[in-house]
Amino acid sequence: QVQLVESGGGLVQPGESLRLSCAASGFPFSTYAMNWFRQTPGKGREKVARITAEGDMRDVLDSVKGRFTGSRDNVKNMLFLQMNTLKPEDTGVYYCNVAYKLKTWWGPGTQVTVSS
């Protein structure tokens, strides 16, 4: 059974940073690309970035380019999203997902709130 669990969210002020984590299990993590999505009040659910199996970041959302960096640890089966210079419009629930065996699996998400 695939399990994805995000963590690391919280309340921060504009300009601050957060590092999100996604713990993965139940599939061969090191051979699958992973995605970060977010659900924001203003724009609904949008894809933030795709992290290839090798750890390269692709399909980066324009509004986070230069501020967010995705990475992974294929030994520990962990996915990360380093978020710098956070803005109020980054507020939302952040999810990791994977397409595995003809199904897209999602974690429960972690709330990020950027507010002064």
Protein backbone atom coordinates (compact mmCIF):
# COMPACT_ATOMS: atom_id res chain seq x y z
CA GLN A 1 0.00 0.00 0.00
CA VAL A 2 1.41 3.35 -1.05
CA GLN A 3 1.68 5.86 1.76
CA LEU A 4 2.70 9.48 1.48
CA VAL A 5 2.90 11.75 4.50
CA GLU A 6 3.78 15.42 4.27
CA SER A 7 5.19 17.45 7.13
CA GLY A 8 6.95 20.72 7.84
CA GLY A 9 4.17 23.20 7.27
CA GLY A 10 3.39 26.03 9.61
CA LEU A 11 2.77 29.73 10.07
CA VAL A 12 5.53 32.04 8.91
CA GLN A 13 5.93 35.70 8.06
CA PRO A 14 6.47 36.97 4.52
CA GLY A 15 10.10 36.57 3.48
CA GLU A 16 10.74 33.59 5.74
CA SER A 17 11.46 30.00 4.75
CA LEU A 18 10.04 26.54 5.31
CA ARG A 19 11.19 23.09 4.33
CA LEU A 20 8.49 20.56 3.59
CA SER A 21 9.07 16.82 3.70
CA CYS A 22 7.19 13.90 2.24
CA ALA A 23 7.82 10.43 3.63
CA ALA A 24 7.05 7.73 1.06
CA SER A 25 6.55 3.99 1.36
CA GLY A 26 4.91 1.07 -0.42
CA PHE A 27 6.48 1.49 -3.84
CA PRO A 28 10.03 1.61 -5.33
CA PHE A 29 10.55 5.27 -4.52
CA SER A 30 13.95 5.66 -6.15
CA THR A 31 12.60 4.81 -9.59
CA TYR A 32 9.56 7.10 -9.66
CA ALA A 33 9.17 10.80 -10.30
CA MET A 34 7.32 12.65 -7.56
CA ASN A 35 5.26 15.82 -7.64
CA TRP A 36 4.51 18.68 -5.29
CA PHE A 37 1.09 20.28 -5.60
CA ARG A 38 -0.65 22.95 -3.59
CA GLN A 39 -4.24 23.98 -2.98
CA THR A 40 -4.51 27.72 -2.50
CA PRO A 41 -7.58 29.83 -1.76
CA GLY A 42 -7.09 31.94 -4.87
CA LYS A 43 -6.10 29.44 -7.54
CA GLY A 44 -7.30 26.04 -6.48
CA ARG A 45 -4.99 23.05 -6.88
CA GLU A 46 -1.86 23.69 -8.92
CA LYS A 47 1.31 21.76 -9.61
CA VAL A 48 4.35 23.27 -7.95
CA ALA A 49 7.08 21.05 -9.39
CA ARG A 50 7.99 17.58 -10.53
CA ILE A 51 11.07 15.91 -9.09
CA THR A 52 12.51 13.25 -11.38
CA ALA A 53 13.75 9.94 -10.03
CA GLU A 54 17.27 11.33 -10.34
CA GLY A 55 16.38 14.43 -8.31
CA ASP A 56 16.06 17.02 -11.06
CA MET A 57 13.32 19.60 -10.75
CA ARG A 58 11.02 20.03 -13.73
CA ASP A 59 7.71 21.71 -14.61
CA VAL A 60 8.23 24.41 -12.02
CA LEU A 61 5.33 26.77 -11.39
CA ASP A 62 6.32 30.23 -12.66
CA SER A 63 5.36 31.99 -9.46
CA VAL A 64 7.81 29.93 -7.37
CA LYS A 65 10.78 29.82 -9.74
CA GLY A 66 13.92 30.99 -8.01
CA ARG A 67 12.33 30.63 -4.57
CA PHE A 68 11.41 26.94 -4.23
CA THR A 69 13.76 24.00 -4.66
CA GLY A 70 12.68 20.38 -4.78
CA SER A 71 14.96 17.52 -3.84
CA ARG A 72 14.85 13.92 -2.67
CA ASP A 73 16.75 11.32 -0.69
CA ASN A 74 16.40 7.99 -2.44
CA VAL A 75 18.01 6.13 0.44
CA LYS A 76 15.57 7.43 3.03
CA ASN A 77 12.57 7.55 0.63
CA MET A 78 12.03 11.22 1.33
CA LEU A 79 10.96 14.11 -0.89
CA PHE A 80 11.62 17.71 0.06
CA LEU A 81 10.53 21.20 -0.92
CA GLN A 82 12.67 24.08 0.30
CA MET A 83 10.59 27.24 0.15
CA ASN A 84 12.37 30.57 0.50
CA THR A 85 11.17 34.16 0.41
CA LEU A 86 7.63 33.04 1.11
CA LYS A 87 4.74 35.29 0.11
CA PRO A 88 1.16 35.47 1.36
CA GLU A 89 -0.02 34.01 -1.94
CA ASP A 90 1.95 30.85 -1.17
CA THR A 91 -0.55 30.10 1.59
CA GLY A 92 -2.27 26.80 1.10
CA VAL A 93 -2.15 23.07 1.64
CA TYR A 94 0.86 21.37 0.08
CA TYR A 95 0.73 17.79 -1.16
CA CYS A 96 3.14 15.27 -2.62
CA ASN A 97 1.92 12.69 -5.08
CA VAL A 98 3.07 9.81 -7.24
CA ALA A 99 1.59 7.97 -10.18
CA TYR A 100 2.05 4.28 -9.48
CA LYS A 101 0.26 1.24 -10.94
CA LEU A 102 -2.27 3.30 -12.91
CA LYS A 103 -3.30 5.35 -9.90
CA THR A 104 -2.29 8.71 -8.51
CA TRP A 105 -1.56 8.57 -4.79
CA TRP A 106 -1.76 11.61 -2.53
CA GLY A 107 -0.71 12.40 0.97
CA PRO A 108 -3.04 14.23 3.39
CA GLY A 109 -1.17 17.50 2.91
CA THR A 110 0.49 20.02 5.18
CA GLN A 111 -0.78 23.55 5.78
CA VAL A 112 1.46 26.50 4.97
CA THR A 113 0.31 29.92 6.09
CA VAL A 114 2.27 33.04 5.21
CA SER A 115 1.02 36.04 7.10
CA SER A 116 2.31 39.03 9.02
